[in-house]
Amino acid sequence: MALLKVLLLLLLLGLGEITGAHDCDDTERLYHVRLRRSKGTERFRCGGSLIHSEWILTAAHCWKLEPGWQSGFLCVHYNLTFSAGLT
């Protein structure tokens, strides 16, 4: 039982981290975008893939339309220089 508690604790401490993560080069993953939503001090971030110049593919839970939330996206590679605010 103690081992199970330790494993659960380790799992919870590791949430939000990607094992072996590193910043990508400017020539890598040009299709990746960061989605952001905010409502007052509350923030929510999610990722997506640029599949067309006007279309982003992401999970359904990343883009719920709820009153009071402001949404937008930002390209990960700043040299592509595009972002948009959507409400």
PDB file of N, CA and C in Angstrom:
ATOM      1  N   MET A   1       0.828  -1.196   0.000  1.00  0.00           N
ATOM      2  CA  MET A   1       0.000   0.000   0.000  1.00  0.00           C
ATOM      3  C   MET A   1       0.872   1.260   0.000  1.00  0.00           C
ATOM      4  N   ALA A   2       1.952   1.220   0.770  1.00  0.00           N
ATOM      5  CA  ALA A   2       2.857   2.369   0.821  1.00  0.00           C
ATOM      6  C   ALA A   2       3.493   2.612  -0.541  1.00  0.00           C
ATOM      7  N   LEU A   3       3.823   1.534  -1.245  1.00  0.00           N
ATOM      8  CA  LEU A   3       4.405   1.671  -2.580  1.00  0.00           C
ATOM      9  C   LEU A   3       3.420   2.343  -3.533  1.00  0.00           C
ATOM     10  N   LEU A   4       2.167   1.994  -3.435  1.00  0.00           N
ATOM     11  CA  LEU A   4       1.134   2.608  -4.261  1.00  0.00           C
ATOM     12  C   LEU A   4       1.021   4.106  -3.984  1.00  0.00           C
ATOM     13  N   LYS A   5       1.110   4.490  -2.721  1.00  0.00           N
ATOM     14  CA  LYS A   5       1.052   5.911  -2.358  1.00  0.00           C
ATOM     15  C   LYS A   5       2.248   6.662  -2.923  1.00  0.00           C
ATOM     16  N   VAL A   6       3.423   6.057  -2.854  1.00  0.00           N
ATOM     17  CA  VAL A   6       4.632   6.692  -3.392  1.00  0.00           C
ATOM     18  C   VAL A   6       4.513   6.850  -4.907  1.00  0.00           C
ATOM     19  N   LEU A   7       4.046   5.817  -5.584  1.00  0.00           N
ATOM     20  CA  LEU A   7       3.874   5.904  -7.034  1.00  0.00           C
ATOM     21  C   LEU A   7       2.856   6.970  -7.422  1.00  0.00           C
ATOM     22  N   LEU A   8       1.780   7.069  -6.679  1.00  0.00           N
ATOM     23  CA  LEU A   8       0.778   8.098  -6.931  1.00  0.00           C
ATOM     24  C   LEU A   8       1.362   9.490  -6.718  1.00  0.00           C
ATOM     25  N   LEU A   9       2.135   9.660  -5.674  1.00  0.00           N
ATOM     26  CA  LEU A   9       2.782  10.943  -5.400  1.00  0.00           C
ATOM     27  C   LEU A   9       3.739  11.312  -6.526  1.00  0.00           C
ATOM     28  N   LEU A  10       4.537  10.361  -6.983  1.00  0.00           N
ATOM     29  CA  LEU A  10       5.463  10.623  -8.083  1.00  0.00           C
ATOM     30  C   LEU A  10       4.720  10.985  -9.363  1.00  0.00           C
ATOM     31  N   LEU A  11       3.619  10.327  -9.598  1.00  0.00           N
ATOM     32  CA  LEU A  11       2.809  10.639 -10.772  1.00  0.00           C
ATOM     33  C   LEU A  11       2.275  12.063 -10.700  1.00  0.00           C
ATOM     34  N   LEU A  12       1.757  12.456  -9.559  1.00  0.00           N
ATOM     35  CA  LEU A  12       1.203  13.804  -9.399  1.00  0.00           C
ATOM     36  C   LEU A  12       2.277  14.872  -9.487  1.00  0.00           C
ATOM     37  N   LEU A  13       3.460  14.596  -8.975  1.00  0.00           N
ATOM     38  CA  LEU A  13       4.546  15.569  -9.049  1.00  0.00           C
ATOM     39  C   LEU A  13       5.039  15.749 -10.475  1.00  0.00           C
ATOM     40  N   GLY A  14       4.912  14.729 -11.284  1.00  0.00           N
ATOM     41  CA  GLY A  14       5.390  14.790 -12.656  1.00  0.00           C
ATOM     42  C   GLY A  14       4.408  15.384 -13.640  1.00  0.00           C
ATOM     43  N   LEU A  15       3.182  15.657 -13.230  1.00  0.00           N
ATOM     44  CA  LEU A  15       2.194  16.224 -14.144  1.00  0.00           C
ATOM     45  C   LEU A  15       2.640  17.594 -14.632  1.00  0.00           C
ATOM     46  N   GLY A  16       2.403  17.878 -15.884  1.00  0.00           N
ATOM     47  CA  GLY A  16       2.750  19.177 -16.441  1.00  0.00           C
ATOM     48  C   GLY A  16       4.158  19.234 -17.003  1.00  0.00           C
ATOM     49  N   GLU A  17       4.913  18.171 -16.853  1.00  0.00           N
ATOM     50  CA  GLU A  17       6.265  18.137 -17.381  1.00  0.00           C
ATOM     51  C   GLU A  17       6.332  17.121 -18.506  1.00  0.00           C
ATOM     52  N   ILE A  18       7.117  17.436 -19.512  1.00  0.00           N
ATOM     53  CA  ILE A  18       7.325  16.514 -20.615  1.00  0.00           C
ATOM     54  C   ILE A  18       8.728  15.955 -20.476  1.00  0.00           C
ATOM     55  N   THR A  19       8.836  14.661 -20.378  1.00  0.00           N
ATOM     56  CA  THR A  19      10.132  14.020 -20.208  1.00  0.00           C
ATOM     57  C   THR A  19      10.993  14.243 -21.439  1.00  0.00           C
ATOM     58  N   GLY A  20      12.209  14.733 -21.235  1.00  0.00           N
ATOM     59  CA  GLY A  20      13.139  14.945 -22.338  1.00  0.00           C
ATOM     60  C   GLY A  20      12.793  16.133 -23.214  1.00  0.00           C
ATOM     61  N   ALA A  21      11.995  17.058 -22.725  1.00  0.00           N
ATOM     62  CA  ALA A  21      11.566  18.210 -23.530  1.00  0.00           C
ATOM     63  C   ALA A  21      12.727  19.164 -23.798  1.00  0.00           C
ATOM     64  N   HIS A  22      12.682  19.801 -24.950  1.00  0.00           N
ATOM     65  CA  HIS A  22      13.657  20.833 -25.303  1.00  0.00           C
ATOM     66  C   HIS A  22      13.020  21.775 -26.322  1.00  0.00           C
ATOM     67  N   ASP A  23      13.564  22.985 -26.409  1.00  0.00           N
ATOM     68  CA  ASP A  23      13.067  23.945 -27.394  1.00  0.00           C
ATOM     69  C   ASP A  23      13.417  23.450 -28.792  1.00  0.00           C
ATOM     70  N   CYS A  24      12.514  23.643 -29.731  1.00  0.00           N
ATOM     71  CA  CYS A  24      12.795  23.209 -31.099  1.00  0.00           C
ATOM     72  C   CYS A  24      13.488  24.338 -31.867  1.00  0.00           C
ATOM     73  N   ASP A  25      14.202  23.950 -32.917  1.00  0.00           N
ATOM     74  CA  ASP A  25      14.886  24.918 -33.771  1.00  0.00           C
ATOM     75  C   ASP A  25      13.870  25.674 -34.623  1.00  0.00           C
ATOM     76  N   ASP A  26      14.316  26.773 -35.232  1.00  0.00           N
ATOM     77  CA  ASP A  26      13.435  27.580 -36.077  1.00  0.00           C
ATOM     78  C   ASP A  26      12.972  26.841 -37.329  1.00  0.00           C
ATOM     79  N   THR A  27      13.639  25.745 -37.678  1.00  0.00           N
ATOM     80  CA  THR A  27      13.260  24.990 -38.876  1.00  0.00           C
ATOM     81  C   THR A  27      12.388  23.785 -38.549  1.00  0.00           C
ATOM     82  N   GLU A  28      12.104  23.558 -37.280  1.00  0.00           N
ATOM     83  CA  GLU A  28      11.322  22.399 -36.854  1.00  0.00           C
ATOM     84  C   GLU A  28       9.905  22.800 -36.469  1.00  0.00           C
ATOM     85  N   ARG A  29       8.981  21.900 -36.692  1.00  0.00           N
ATOM     86  CA  ARG A  29       7.599  22.017 -36.230  1.00  0.00           C
ATOM     87  C   ARG A  29       6.962  23.372 -36.570  1.00  0.00           C
ATOM     88  N   LEU A  30       7.088  23.750 -37.812  1.00  0.00           N
ATOM     89  CA  LEU A  30       6.537  25.031 -38.254  1.00  0.00           C
ATOM     90  C   LEU A  30       5.017  25.033 -38.246  1.00  0.00           C
ATOM     91  N   TYR A  31       4.412  23.888 -38.074  1.00  0.00           N
ATOM     92  CA  TYR A  31       2.957  23.744 -38.080  1.00  0.00           C
ATOM     93  C   TYR A  31       2.343  23.897 -36.695  1.00  0.00           C
ATOM     94  N   HIS A  32       3.149  23.962 -35.639  1.00  0.00           N
ATOM     95  CA  HIS A  32       2.617  23.961 -34.276  1.00  0.00           C
ATOM     96  C   HIS A  32       2.196  25.370 -33.848  1.00  0.00           C
ATOM     97  N   VAL A  33       1.031  25.467 -33.233  1.00  0.00           N
ATOM     98  CA  VAL A  33       0.545  26.743 -32.709  1.00  0.00           C
ATOM     99  C   VAL A  33       0.139  26.574 -31.251  1.00  0.00           C
ATOM    100  N   ARG A  34       0.143  27.669 -30.540  1.00  0.00           N
ATOM    101  CA  ARG A  34      -0.289  27.673 -29.143  1.00  0.00           C
ATOM    102  C   ARG A  34      -1.636  28.383 -29.070  1.00  0.00           C
ATOM    103  N   LEU A  35      -2.608  27.714 -28.496  1.00  0.00           N
ATOM    104  CA  LEU A  35      -3.928  28.307 -28.299  1.00  0.00           C
ATOM    105  C   LEU A  35      -3.993  28.842 -26.881  1.00  0.00           C
ATOM    106  N   ARG A  36      -4.609  29.988 -26.713  1.00  0.00           N
ATOM    107  CA  ARG A  36      -4.726  30.546 -25.367  1.00  0.00           C
ATOM    108  C   ARG A  36      -6.131  31.088 -25.154  1.00  0.00           C
ATOM    109  N   ARG A  37      -6.600  30.962 -23.932  1.00  0.00           N
ATOM    110  CA  ARG A  37      -7.904  31.495 -23.551  1.00  0.00           C
ATOM    111  C   ARG A  37      -7.735  32.180 -22.212  1.00  0.00           C
ATOM    112  N   SER A  38      -8.479  33.232 -22.004  1.00  0.00           N
ATOM    113  CA  SER A  38      -8.395  33.927 -20.721  1.00  0.00           C
ATOM    114  C   SER A  38      -9.756  34.499 -20.342  1.00  0.00           C
ATOM    115  N   LYS A  39      -9.951  34.570 -19.043  1.00  0.00           N
ATOM    116  CA  LYS A  39     -11.156  35.177 -18.478  1.00  0.00           C
ATOM    117  C   LYS A  39     -10.717  35.759 -17.143  1.00  0.00           C
ATOM    118  N   GLY A  40     -10.496  37.072 -17.121  1.00  0.00           N
ATOM    119  CA  GLY A  40      -9.964  37.700 -15.908  1.00  0.00           C
ATOM    120  C   GLY A  40      -8.557  37.194 -15.634  1.00  0.00           C
ATOM    121  N   THR A  41      -8.340  36.631 -14.457  1.00  0.00           N
ATOM    122  CA  THR A  41      -7.014  36.108 -14.112  1.00  0.00           C
ATOM    123  C   THR A  41      -6.866  34.630 -14.465  1.00  0.00           C
ATOM    124  N   GLU A  42      -7.945  33.987 -14.894  1.00  0.00           N
ATOM    125  CA  GLU A  42      -7.901  32.570 -15.274  1.00  0.00           C
ATOM    126  C   GLU A  42      -7.282  32.423 -16.659  1.00  0.00           C
ATOM    127  N   ARG A  43      -6.376  31.465 -16.807  1.00  0.00           N
ATOM    128  CA  ARG A  43      -5.712  31.235 -18.085  1.00  0.00           C
ATOM    129  C   ARG A  43      -5.790  29.754 -18.442  1.00  0.00           C
ATOM    130  N   PHE A  44      -5.852  29.476 -19.737  1.00  0.00           N
ATOM    131  CA  PHE A  44      -5.878  28.110 -20.226  1.00  0.00           C
ATOM    132  C   PHE A  44      -5.075  28.066 -21.516  1.00  0.00           C
ATOM    133  N   ARG A  45      -4.176  27.107 -21.624  1.00  0.00           N
ATOM    134  CA  ARG A  45      -3.366  26.972 -22.838  1.00  0.00           C
ATOM    135  C   ARG A  45      -3.502  25.569 -23.391  1.00  0.00           C
ATOM    136  N   CYS A  46      -3.375  25.482 -24.710  1.00  0.00           N
ATOM    137  CA  CYS A  46      -3.488  24.206 -25.399  1.00  0.00           C
ATOM    138  C   CYS A  46      -2.673  24.311 -26.686  1.00  0.00           C
ATOM    139  N   GLY A  47      -2.360  23.200 -27.299  1.00  0.00           N
ATOM    140  CA  GLY A  47      -1.616  23.201 -28.548  1.00  0.00           C
ATOM    141  C   GLY A  47      -2.491  22.787 -29.714  1.00  0.00           C
ATOM    142  N   GLY A  48      -2.007  23.073 -30.899  1.00  0.00           N
ATOM    143  CA  GLY A  48      -2.718  22.683 -32.100  1.00  0.00           C
ATOM    144  C   GLY A  48      -1.759  22.575 -33.271  1.00  0.00           C
ATOM    145  N   SER A  49      -2.253  22.075 -34.386  1.00  0.00           N
ATOM    146  CA  SER A  49      -1.457  21.932 -35.606  1.00  0.00           C
ATOM    147  C   SER A  49      -2.075  22.770 -36.713  1.00  0.00           C
ATOM    148  N   LEU A  50      -1.258  23.548 -37.368  1.00  0.00           N
ATOM    149  CA  LEU A  50      -1.696  24.359 -38.496  1.00  0.00           C
ATOM    150  C   LEU A  50      -1.815  23.438 -39.706  1.00  0.00           C
ATOM    151  N   ILE A  51      -3.043  23.187 -40.164  1.00  0.00           N
ATOM    152  CA  ILE A  51      -3.256  22.273 -41.291  1.00  0.00           C
ATOM    153  C   ILE A  51      -3.598  23.021 -42.580  1.00  0.00           C
ATOM    154  N   HIS A  52      -3.779  24.319 -42.487  1.00  0.00           N
ATOM    155  CA  HIS A  52      -4.067  25.193 -43.631  1.00  0.00           C
ATOM    156  C   HIS A  52      -3.791  26.602 -43.131  1.00  0.00           C
ATOM    157  N   SER A  53      -3.625  27.545 -44.015  1.00  0.00           N
ATOM    158  CA  SER A  53      -3.335  28.910 -43.569  1.00  0.00           C
ATOM    159  C   SER A  53      -4.459  29.502 -42.726  1.00  0.00           C
ATOM    160  N   GLU A  54      -5.656  28.920 -42.803  1.00  0.00           N
ATOM    161  CA  GLU A  54      -6.787  29.423 -42.024  1.00  0.00           C
ATOM    162  C   GLU A  54      -7.387  28.391 -41.075  1.00  0.00           C
ATOM    163  N   TRP A  55      -6.747  27.211 -40.915  1.00  0.00           N
ATOM    164  CA  TRP A  55      -7.327  26.146 -40.102  1.00  0.00           C
ATOM    165  C   TRP A  55      -6.316  25.582 -39.112  1.00  0.00           C
ATOM    166  N   ILE A  56      -6.765  25.431 -37.856  1.00  0.00           N
ATOM    167  CA  ILE A  56      -5.964  24.810 -36.805  1.00  0.00           C
ATOM    168  C   ILE A  56      -6.711  23.579 -36.313  1.00  0.00           C
ATOM    169  N   LEU A  57      -6.009  22.450 -36.242  1.00  0.00           N
ATOM    170  CA  LEU A  57      -6.585  21.212 -35.727  1.00  0.00           C
ATOM    171  C   LEU A  57      -6.160  21.054 -34.267  1.00  0.00           C
ATOM    172  N   THR A  58      -7.135  20.870 -33.381  1.00  0.00           N
ATOM    173  CA  THR A  58      -6.846  20.716 -31.960  1.00  0.00           C
ATOM    174  C   THR A  58      -7.912  19.830 -31.326  1.00  0.00           C
ATOM    175  N   ALA A  59      -7.746  19.533 -30.068  1.00  0.00           N
ATOM    176  CA  ALA A  59      -8.739  18.734 -29.343  1.00  0.00           C
ATOM    177  C   ALA A  59      -9.968  19.591 -29.046  1.00  0.00           C
ATOM    178  N   ALA A  60     -11.125  18.956 -28.970  1.00  0.00           N
ATOM    179  CA  ALA A  60     -12.383  19.678 -28.754  1.00  0.00           C
ATOM    180  C   ALA A  60     -12.389  20.446 -27.438  1.00  0.00           C
ATOM    181  N   HIS A  61     -11.770  19.894 -26.398  1.00  0.00           N
ATOM    182  CA  HIS A  61     -11.801  20.577 -25.100  1.00  0.00           C
ATOM    183  C   HIS A  61     -10.949  21.843 -25.088  1.00  0.00           C
ATOM    184  N   CYS A  62     -10.138  22.053 -26.116  1.00  0.00           N
ATOM    185  CA  CYS A  62      -9.284  23.243 -26.184  1.00  0.00           C
ATOM    186  C   CYS A  62     -10.040  24.482 -26.657  1.00  0.00           C
ATOM    187  N   TRP A  63     -11.196  24.326 -27.231  1.00  0.00           N
ATOM    188  CA  TRP A  63     -11.849  25.465 -27.873  1.00  0.00           C
ATOM    189  C   TRP A  63     -13.341  25.520 -27.581  1.00  0.00           C
ATOM    190  N   LYS A  64     -13.707  25.512 -26.333  1.00  0.00           N
ATOM    191  CA  LYS A  64     -15.116  25.650 -25.966  1.00  0.00           C
ATOM    192  C   LYS A  64     -15.502  27.120 -26.027  1.00  0.00           C
ATOM    193  N   LEU A  65     -16.631  27.405 -26.601  1.00  0.00           N
ATOM    194  CA  LEU A  65     -17.120  28.779 -26.656  1.00  0.00           C
ATOM    195  C   LEU A  65     -18.002  29.029 -25.445  1.00  0.00           C
ATOM    196  N   GLU A  66     -17.483  29.768 -24.500  1.00  0.00           N
ATOM    197  CA  GLU A  66     -18.215  30.076 -23.278  1.00  0.00           C
ATOM    198  C   GLU A  66     -18.229  31.584 -23.083  1.00  0.00           C
ATOM    199  N   PRO A  67     -19.304  32.135 -22.545  1.00  0.00           N
ATOM    200  CA  PRO A  67     -19.390  33.578 -22.331  1.00  0.00           C
ATOM    201  C   PRO A  67     -18.271  34.083 -21.418  1.00  0.00           C
ATOM    202  N   GLY A  68     -17.720  35.228 -21.765  1.00  0.00           N
ATOM    203  CA  GLY A  68     -16.715  35.865 -20.927  1.00  0.00           C
ATOM    204  C   GLY A  68     -15.284  35.462 -21.218  1.00  0.00           C
ATOM    205  N   TRP A  69     -15.073  34.409 -21.988  1.00  0.00           N
ATOM    206  CA  TRP A  69     -13.721  33.956 -22.308  1.00  0.00           C
ATOM    207  C   TRP A  69     -13.253  34.607 -23.599  1.00  0.00           C
ATOM    208  N   GLN A  70     -12.003  35.042 -23.630  1.00  0.00           N
ATOM    209  CA  GLN A  70     -11.387  35.541 -24.855  1.00  0.00           C
ATOM    210  C   GLN A  70     -10.398  34.488 -25.319  1.00  0.00           C
ATOM    211  N   SER A  71     -10.381  34.221 -26.620  1.00  0.00           N
ATOM    212  CA  SER A  71      -9.522  33.180 -27.163  1.00  0.00           C
ATOM    213  C   SER A  71      -8.657  33.746 -28.264  1.00  0.00           C
ATOM    214  N   GLY A  72      -7.539  33.098 -28.512  1.00  0.00           N
ATOM    215  CA  GLY A  72      -6.655  33.493 -29.591  1.00  0.00           C
ATOM    216  C   GLY A  72      -5.630  32.415 -29.834  1.00  0.00           C
ATOM    217  N   PHE A  73      -4.783  32.619 -30.831  1.00  0.00           N
ATOM    218  CA  PHE A  73      -3.717  31.667 -31.081  1.00  0.00           C
ATOM    219  C   PHE A  73      -2.449  32.415 -31.418  1.00  0.00           C
ATOM    220  N   LEU A  74      -1.335  31.724 -31.282  1.00  0.00           N
ATOM    221  CA  LEU A  74      -0.032  32.306 -31.562  1.00  0.00           C
ATOM    222  C   LEU A  74       0.838  31.233 -32.173  1.00  0.00           C
ATOM    223  N   CYS A  75       1.485  31.548 -33.271  1.00  0.00           N
ATOM    224  CA  CYS A  75       2.401  30.602 -33.888  1.00  0.00           C
ATOM    225  C   CYS A  75       3.614  30.435 -32.982  1.00  0.00           C
ATOM    226  N   VAL A  76       4.095  29.226 -32.831  1.00  0.00           N
ATOM    227  CA  VAL A  76       5.239  28.967 -31.960  1.00  0.00           C
ATOM    228  C   VAL A  76       6.490  29.640 -32.491  1.00  0.00           C
ATOM    229  N   HIS A  77       6.677  29.651 -33.802  1.00  0.00           N
ATOM    230  CA  HIS A  77       7.875  30.234 -34.404  1.00  0.00           C
ATOM    231  C   HIS A  77       7.610  31.700 -34.726  1.00  0.00           C
ATOM    232  N   TYR A  78       8.213  32.584 -33.973  1.00  0.00           N
ATOM    233  CA  TYR A  78       7.924  34.009 -34.096  1.00  0.00           C
ATOM    234  C   TYR A  78       8.373  34.588 -35.427  1.00  0.00           C
ATOM    235  N   ASN A  79       9.306  33.938 -36.117  1.00  0.00           N
ATOM    236  CA  ASN A  79       9.738  34.471 -37.406  1.00  0.00           C
ATOM    237  C   ASN A  79       8.648  34.357 -38.467  1.00  0.00           C
ATOM    238  N   LEU A  80       7.600  33.570 -38.206  1.00  0.00           N
ATOM    239  CA  LEU A  80       6.469  33.506 -39.125  1.00  0.00           C
ATOM    240  C   LEU A  80       5.499  34.657 -38.888  1.00  0.00           C
ATOM    241  N   THR A  81       5.630  35.309 -37.766  1.00  0.00           N
ATOM    242  CA  THR A  81       4.911  36.529 -37.396  1.00  0.00           C
ATOM    243  C   THR A  81       3.424  36.536 -37.730  1.00  0.00           C
ATOM    244  N   PHE A  82       2.688  35.650 -37.141  1.00  0.00           N
ATOM    245  CA  PHE A  82       1.244  35.807 -37.208  1.00  0.00           C
ATOM    246  C   PHE A  82       0.631  35.380 -35.896  1.00  0.00           C
ATOM    247  N   SER A  83      -0.384  36.090 -35.531  1.00  0.00           N
ATOM    248  CA  SER A  83      -1.180  35.741 -34.360  1.00  0.00           C
ATOM    249  C   SER A  83      -2.538  36.377 -34.561  1.00  0.00           C
ATOM    250  N   ALA A  84      -3.497  35.918 -33.824  1.00  0.00           N
ATOM    251  CA  ALA A  84      -4.838  36.478 -33.956  1.00  0.00           C
ATOM    252  C   ALA A  84      -5.555  36.379 -32.637  1.00  0.00           C
ATOM    253  N   GLY A  85      -6.337  37.364 -32.368  1.00  0.00           N
ATOM    254  CA  GLY A  85      -7.202  37.312 -31.205  1.00  0.00           C
ATOM    255  C   GLY A  85      -8.611  37.009 -31.663  1.00  0.00           C
ATOM    256  N   LEU A  86      -9.208  36.020 -31.058  1.00  0.00           N
ATOM    257  CA  LEU A  86     -10.565  35.629 -31.407  1.00  0.00           C
ATOM    258  C   LEU A  86     -11.412  35.685 -30.156  1.00  0.00           C
ATOM    259  N   THR A  87     -12.663  36.029 -30.286  1.00  0.00           N
ATOM    260  CA  THR A  87     -13.535  36.041 -29.110  1.00  0.00           C
ATOM    261  C   THR A  87     -14.720  35.150 -29.336  1.00  0.00           C
TER     262      THR A  87
END
